[in-house]
Amino acid sequence: MSEGYGHKAGRPTFAHVAVIRKKDERRKLKGTTCKECEIYYAHLPEEAKQKKLSACSRHRYLYIPPCTPENFWEVGFPSTQTCIERGYVREEKSPQARTRRRQPLNALFSPKQKQEES
């Protein structure tokens, strides 16, 4: 047996998302909430909320997956202002001056020569 796999039916011991199809095995898993379910169960006290989740939660995992990053499902390019607000782009207070070449660039081809020949 390779490392990282448990003894039960080749299940890995590390955190992963696995599909569990048998009803009685799914009932044994801990029920969790998503953002929408959290809003729905917000009015319940914590003890009643846990009891309700274990009884009828649609979200059951062996290992709870991480949350989706903020703005992950937004399609399209955000504006520069939005990128700065989200921290994708840093604004420098004093932009660095671009370095100049020591020697000027020698142009190998000039468009003026083509016009003179024609």
N, C-alpha and C. Protein backbone atom coordinates (compact mmCIF):
# COMPACT_ATOMS: atom_id res chain seq x y z
N MET A 1 0.84 -1.19 0.00
CA MET A 1 0.00 0.00 0.00
C MET A 1 0.88 1.25 0.00
N SER A 2 0.51 2.26 -0.78
CA SER A 2 1.30 3.48 -0.83
C SER A 2 0.95 4.38 0.35
N GLU A 3 1.85 5.31 0.64
CA GLU A 3 1.64 6.22 1.76
C GLU A 3 0.50 7.18 1.45
N GLY A 4 -0.19 7.65 2.48
CA GLY A 4 -1.28 8.60 2.32
C GLY A 4 -2.63 7.94 2.14
N TYR A 5 -2.65 6.60 2.02
CA TYR A 5 -3.93 5.90 1.88
C TYR A 5 -4.23 5.13 3.15
N GLY A 6 -5.48 5.21 3.58
CA GLY A 6 -5.92 4.52 4.79
C GLY A 6 -6.16 3.04 4.52
N HIS A 7 -6.56 2.34 5.53
CA HIS A 7 -6.78 0.90 5.41
C HIS A 7 -8.15 0.56 4.86
N LYS A 8 -9.12 1.47 4.93
CA LYS A 8 -10.49 1.17 4.49
C LYS A 8 -10.64 1.44 3.00
N ALA A 9 -10.75 0.41 2.23
CA ALA A 9 -11.09 0.47 0.80
C ALA A 9 -10.25 1.47 0.02
N GLY A 10 -8.99 1.65 0.36
CA GLY A 10 -8.11 2.53 -0.39
C GLY A 10 -8.44 4.00 -0.27
N ARG A 11 -9.10 4.42 0.81
CA ARG A 11 -9.42 5.84 0.99
C ARG A 11 -8.16 6.59 1.42
N PRO A 12 -7.90 7.74 0.82
CA PRO A 12 -6.74 8.54 1.25
C PRO A 12 -6.96 9.11 2.64
N THR A 13 -5.87 9.31 3.38
CA THR A 13 -5.96 9.88 4.73
C THR A 13 -5.85 11.40 4.70
N PHE A 14 -5.53 11.97 3.54
CA PHE A 14 -5.42 13.43 3.44
C PHE A 14 -6.77 14.01 3.03
N ALA A 15 -6.93 15.33 3.25
CA ALA A 15 -8.21 15.99 2.95
C ALA A 15 -8.45 16.01 1.44
N HIS A 16 -9.64 15.56 1.04
CA HIS A 16 -10.02 15.55 -0.37
C HIS A 16 -11.54 15.53 -0.45
N VAL A 17 -12.05 15.83 -1.62
CA VAL A 17 -13.50 15.79 -1.84
C VAL A 17 -13.83 14.44 -2.45
N ALA A 18 -14.60 13.65 -1.73
CA ALA A 18 -14.98 12.32 -2.20
C ALA A 18 -16.50 12.24 -2.31
N VAL A 19 -16.97 11.51 -3.28
CA VAL A 19 -18.41 11.30 -3.45
C VAL A 19 -18.80 10.07 -2.65
N ILE A 20 -19.77 10.24 -1.75
CA ILE A 20 -20.27 9.12 -0.95
C ILE A 20 -21.73 8.93 -1.35
N ARG A 21 -22.02 7.79 -1.95
CA ARG A 21 -23.32 7.57 -2.57
C ARG A 21 -24.34 6.84 -1.68
N LYS A 22 -23.90 6.07 -0.73
CA LYS A 22 -24.84 5.30 0.10
C LYS A 22 -25.49 6.21 1.14
N LYS A 23 -26.82 6.11 1.27
CA LYS A 23 -27.56 6.99 2.17
C LYS A 23 -27.12 6.85 3.62
N ASP A 24 -26.94 5.62 4.09
CA ASP A 24 -26.57 5.45 5.50
C ASP A 24 -25.16 5.95 5.76
N GLU A 25 -24.26 5.87 4.79
CA GLU A 25 -22.91 6.43 4.97
C GLU A 25 -22.96 7.95 4.96
N ARG A 26 -23.82 8.54 4.10
CA ARG A 26 -23.95 10.00 4.05
C ARG A 26 -24.56 10.55 5.34
N ARG A 27 -25.49 9.81 5.95
CA ARG A 27 -26.10 10.26 7.20
C ARG A 27 -25.09 10.36 8.32
N LYS A 28 -24.05 9.54 8.28
CA LYS A 28 -23.02 9.55 9.32
C LYS A 28 -22.11 10.77 9.21
N LEU A 29 -22.05 11.39 8.02
CA LEU A 29 -21.19 12.55 7.83
C LEU A 29 -21.76 13.78 8.53
N LYS A 30 -20.87 14.70 8.88
CA LYS A 30 -21.27 15.93 9.56
C LYS A 30 -21.89 16.90 8.55
N GLY A 31 -23.04 17.45 8.89
CA GLY A 31 -23.71 18.43 8.03
C GLY A 31 -23.11 19.81 8.23
N THR A 32 -22.90 20.54 7.13
CA THR A 32 -22.34 21.89 7.19
C THR A 32 -23.25 22.84 6.43
N THR A 33 -22.89 24.12 6.41
CA THR A 33 -23.69 25.12 5.71
C THR A 33 -22.86 25.82 4.65
N CYS A 34 -23.56 26.41 3.70
CA CYS A 34 -22.95 27.31 2.73
C CYS A 34 -23.43 28.72 3.09
N LYS A 35 -23.08 29.73 2.30
CA LYS A 35 -23.49 31.10 2.61
C LYS A 35 -25.00 31.25 2.64
N GLU A 36 -25.67 30.64 1.67
CA GLU A 36 -27.13 30.76 1.59
C GLU A 36 -27.81 30.04 2.76
N CYS A 37 -27.30 28.86 3.11
CA CYS A 37 -27.88 28.11 4.24
C CYS A 37 -27.63 28.84 5.56
N GLU A 38 -26.49 29.50 5.66
CA GLU A 38 -26.16 30.25 6.88
C GLU A 38 -27.20 31.34 7.11
N ILE A 39 -27.60 32.01 6.05
CA ILE A 39 -28.63 33.06 6.15
C ILE A 39 -29.97 32.43 6.55
N TYR A 40 -30.28 31.28 5.98
CA TYR A 40 -31.55 30.60 6.26
C TYR A 40 -31.64 30.16 7.72
N TYR A 41 -30.53 29.64 8.27
CA TYR A 41 -30.52 29.14 9.65
C TYR A 41 -30.11 30.20 10.68
N ALA A 42 -29.96 31.44 10.28
CA ALA A 42 -29.47 32.49 11.18
C ALA A 42 -30.40 32.73 12.37
N HIS A 43 -31.70 32.55 12.20
CA HIS A 43 -32.65 32.85 13.28
C HIS A 43 -32.65 31.78 14.37
N LEU A 44 -32.10 30.60 14.10
CA LEU A 44 -32.10 29.51 15.09
C LEU A 44 -30.97 29.67 16.10
N PRO A 45 -31.16 29.23 17.35
CA PRO A 45 -30.05 29.20 18.30
C PRO A 45 -29.03 28.13 17.85
N GLU A 46 -27.81 28.26 18.32
CA GLU A 46 -26.70 27.40 17.85
C GLU A 46 -26.99 25.91 18.06
N GLU A 47 -27.53 25.56 19.19
CA GLU A 47 -27.80 24.14 19.49
C GLU A 47 -28.86 23.57 18.53
N ALA A 48 -29.93 24.32 18.32
CA ALA A 48 -30.99 23.87 17.41
C ALA A 48 -30.49 23.85 15.96
N LYS A 49 -29.63 24.78 15.65
CA LYS A 49 -29.06 24.85 14.30
C LYS A 49 -28.23 23.60 14.00
N GLN A 50 -27.38 23.19 14.95
CA GLN A 50 -26.55 21.99 14.76
C GLN A 50 -27.42 20.74 14.65
N LYS A 51 -28.48 20.67 15.44
CA LYS A 51 -29.39 19.52 15.39
C LYS A 51 -30.08 19.45 14.03
N LYS A 52 -30.54 20.59 13.54
CA LYS A 52 -31.21 20.66 12.24
C LYS A 52 -30.25 20.31 11.11
N LEU A 53 -29.00 20.79 11.19
CA LEU A 53 -28.00 20.50 10.16
C LEU A 53 -27.68 19.01 10.11
N SER A 54 -27.53 18.39 11.27
CA SER A 54 -27.21 16.96 11.28
C SER A 54 -28.39 16.13 10.76
N ALA A 55 -29.62 16.65 10.91
CA ALA A 55 -30.80 15.91 10.46
C ALA A 55 -31.05 16.05 8.96
N CYS A 56 -30.91 17.27 8.42
CA CYS A 56 -31.36 17.46 7.03
C CYS A 56 -30.44 18.32 6.16
N SER A 57 -29.18 18.44 6.48
CA SER A 57 -28.28 19.26 5.67
C SER A 57 -28.00 18.62 4.31
N ARG A 58 -27.99 19.44 3.27
CA ARG A 58 -27.65 18.97 1.93
C ARG A 58 -26.14 18.95 1.72
N HIS A 59 -25.42 19.64 2.57
CA HIS A 59 -23.96 19.75 2.44
C HIS A 59 -23.30 18.84 3.47
N ARG A 60 -22.85 17.69 3.03
CA ARG A 60 -22.21 16.73 3.92
C ARG A 60 -20.88 16.31 3.31
N TYR A 61 -19.82 16.45 4.09
CA TYR A 61 -18.48 16.14 3.59
C TYR A 61 -17.70 15.40 4.66
N LEU A 62 -16.77 14.58 4.21
CA LEU A 62 -15.83 13.95 5.11
C LEU A 62 -14.83 15.00 5.57
N TYR A 63 -14.35 15.80 4.60
CA TYR A 63 -13.49 16.95 4.86
C TYR A 63 -14.17 18.16 4.23
N ILE A 64 -14.39 19.20 5.01
CA ILE A 64 -15.08 20.38 4.50
C ILE A 64 -14.16 21.10 3.52
N PRO A 65 -14.62 21.33 2.26
CA PRO A 65 -13.77 22.00 1.28
C PRO A 65 -13.62 23.48 1.61
N PRO A 66 -12.53 24.11 1.15
CA PRO A 66 -12.35 25.54 1.42
C PRO A 66 -13.38 26.37 0.66
N CYS A 67 -13.64 27.56 1.15
CA CYS A 67 -14.61 28.45 0.51
C CYS A 67 -14.04 28.97 -0.81
N THR A 68 -14.93 29.30 -1.72
CA THR A 68 -14.53 29.88 -3.00
C THR A 68 -14.01 31.29 -2.74
N PRO A 69 -12.88 31.68 -3.34
CA PRO A 69 -12.35 33.03 -3.13
C PRO A 69 -13.35 34.11 -3.57
N GLU A 70 -13.28 35.24 -2.91
CA GLU A 70 -14.15 36.36 -3.23
C GLU A 70 -13.92 36.78 -4.68
N ASN A 71 -14.96 37.13 -5.39
CA ASN A 71 -14.93 37.59 -6.79
C ASN A 71 -14.45 36.53 -7.77
N PHE A 72 -14.46 35.26 -7.39
CA PHE A 72 -13.97 34.19 -8.25
C PHE A 72 -14.86 33.99 -9.47
N TRP A 73 -16.16 34.10 -9.30
CA TRP A 73 -17.09 33.82 -10.38
C TRP A 73 -17.44 35.06 -11.21
N GLU A 74 -16.81 36.18 -10.96
CA GLU A 74 -17.07 37.38 -11.77
C GLU A 74 -16.33 37.24 -13.09
N VAL A 75 -17.10 37.25 -14.16
CA VAL A 75 -16.52 37.11 -15.49
C VAL A 75 -16.21 38.50 -16.04
N GLY A 76 -15.10 38.64 -16.72
CA GLY A 76 -14.73 39.92 -17.30
C GLY A 76 -13.56 40.53 -16.55
N PHE A 77 -13.09 41.63 -17.08
CA PHE A 77 -11.94 42.30 -16.49
C PHE A 77 -12.42 43.44 -15.60
N PRO A 78 -11.96 43.47 -14.35
CA PRO A 78 -12.34 44.59 -13.48
C PRO A 78 -11.60 45.86 -13.90
N SER A 79 -12.16 47.00 -13.54
CA SER A 79 -11.50 48.27 -13.87
C SER A 79 -10.25 48.43 -13.01
N THR A 80 -9.41 49.34 -13.40
CA THR A 80 -8.17 49.59 -12.67
C THR A 80 -8.47 50.01 -11.24
N GLN A 81 -9.49 50.85 -11.07
CA GLN A 81 -9.86 51.30 -9.73
C GLN A 81 -10.28 50.12 -8.85
N THR A 82 -11.03 49.19 -9.42
CA THR A 82 -11.46 48.00 -8.68
C THR A 82 -10.26 47.14 -8.30
N CYS A 83 -9.31 47.00 -9.22
CA CYS A 83 -8.10 46.21 -8.95
C CYS A 83 -7.29 46.83 -7.81
N ILE A 84 -7.20 48.14 -7.78
CA ILE A 84 -6.47 48.83 -6.72
C ILE A 84 -7.18 48.61 -5.38
N GLU A 85 -8.53 48.72 -5.38
CA GLU A 85 -9.30 48.52 -4.14
C GLU A 85 -9.15 47.10 -3.61
N ARG A 86 -9.11 46.11 -4.50
CA ARG A 86 -8.98 44.71 -4.08
C ARG A 86 -7.55 44.34 -3.72
N GLY A 87 -6.59 45.18 -4.06
CA GLY A 87 -5.21 44.91 -3.71
C GLY A 87 -4.44 44.13 -4.76
N TYR A 88 -4.99 44.03 -5.98
CA TYR A 88 -4.28 43.33 -7.04
C TYR A 88 -3.12 44.18 -7.57
N VAL A 89 -3.30 45.51 -7.54
CA VAL A 89 -2.31 46.43 -8.09
C VAL A 89 -1.87 47.36 -6.97
N ARG A 90 -0.57 47.54 -6.86
CA ARG A 90 -0.06 48.49 -5.87
C ARG A 90 0.18 49.83 -6.55
N GLU A 91 -0.23 50.88 -5.88
CA GLU A 91 0.01 52.22 -6.40
C GLU A 91 1.26 52.76 -5.73
N GLU A 92 2.23 53.13 -6.54
CA GLU A 92 3.46 53.69 -5.99
C GLU A 92 3.32 55.21 -5.93
N LYS A 93 3.72 55.76 -4.80
CA LYS A 93 3.58 57.21 -4.62
C LYS A 93 4.59 57.96 -5.48
N SER A 94 5.80 57.44 -5.57
CA SER A 94 6.80 58.06 -6.43
C SER A 94 7.27 57.02 -7.45
N PRO A 95 6.74 57.06 -8.66
CA PRO A 95 7.13 56.06 -9.64
C PRO A 95 8.61 56.19 -10.00
N GLN A 96 9.25 55.05 -10.19
CA GLN A 96 10.67 55.06 -10.50
C GLN A 96 10.87 55.51 -11.94
N ALA A 97 11.91 56.32 -12.15
CA ALA A 97 12.23 56.78 -13.49
C ALA A 97 12.79 55.61 -14.29
N ARG A 98 12.42 55.55 -15.56
CA ARG A 98 12.93 54.48 -16.41
C ARG A 98 14.39 54.74 -16.73
N THR A 99 15.16 53.68 -16.73
CA THR A 99 16.58 53.82 -17.05
C THR A 99 16.74 54.05 -18.55
N ARG A 100 17.72 54.87 -18.89
CA ARG A 100 17.98 55.17 -20.29
C ARG A 100 19.11 54.29 -20.79
N ARG A 101 19.13 54.07 -22.07
CA ARG A 101 20.20 53.28 -22.67
C ARG A 101 21.50 54.06 -22.63
N ARG A 102 22.59 53.34 -22.50
CA ARG A 102 23.90 54.00 -22.56
C ARG A 102 24.20 54.42 -24.00
N GLN A 103 23.86 53.54 -24.92
CA GLN A 103 24.05 53.86 -26.33
C GLN A 103 22.69 53.93 -27.00
N PRO A 104 22.51 54.86 -27.92
CA PRO A 104 21.21 54.94 -28.59
C PRO A 104 20.97 53.69 -29.45
N LEU A 105 19.73 53.39 -29.67
CA LEU A 105 19.34 52.23 -30.45
C LEU A 105 19.62 52.50 -31.92
N ASN A 106 20.37 51.62 -32.56
CA ASN A 106 20.67 51.76 -33.98
C ASN A 106 19.56 51.08 -34.78
N ALA A 107 18.87 51.85 -35.58
CA ALA A 107 17.80 51.30 -36.41
C ALA A 107 18.42 50.62 -37.62
N LEU A 108 18.09 49.36 -37.83
CA LEU A 108 18.63 48.62 -38.96
C LEU A 108 17.87 48.95 -40.24
N PHE A 109 16.59 49.18 -40.12
CA PHE A 109 15.77 49.49 -41.29
C PHE A 109 15.05 50.80 -41.04
N SER A 110 15.01 51.63 -42.04
CA SER A 110 14.32 52.90 -41.91
C SER A 110 13.20 52.96 -42.93
N PRO A 111 12.02 53.35 -42.54
CA PRO A 111 10.92 53.43 -43.51
C PRO A 111 11.15 54.52 -44.55
N LYS A 112 11.99 55.50 -44.24
CA LYS A 112 12.25 56.59 -45.18
C LYS A 112 13.02 56.08 -46.40
N GLN A 113 13.91 55.11 -46.21
CA GLN A 113 14.70 54.58 -47.33
C GLN A 113 13.79 53.91 -48.35
N LYS A 114 12.77 53.21 -47.93
CA LYS A 114 11.86 52.54 -48.85
C LYS A 114 11.09 53.56 -49.68
N GLN A 115 10.71 54.66 -49.08
CA GLN A 115 9.96 55.68 -49.80
C GLN A 115 10.83 56.37 -50.84
N GLU A 116 12.12 56.60 -50.53
CA GLU A 116 13.04 57.26 -51.46
C GLU A 116 13.32 56.38 -52.67
N GLU A 117 13.42 55.05 -52.48
CA GLU A 117 13.72 54.14 -53.57
C GLU A 117 12.56 54.04 -54.56
N SER A 118 11.35 54.15 -54.11
CA SER A 118 10.18 53.97 -54.99
C SER A 118 9.93 55.14 -55.88
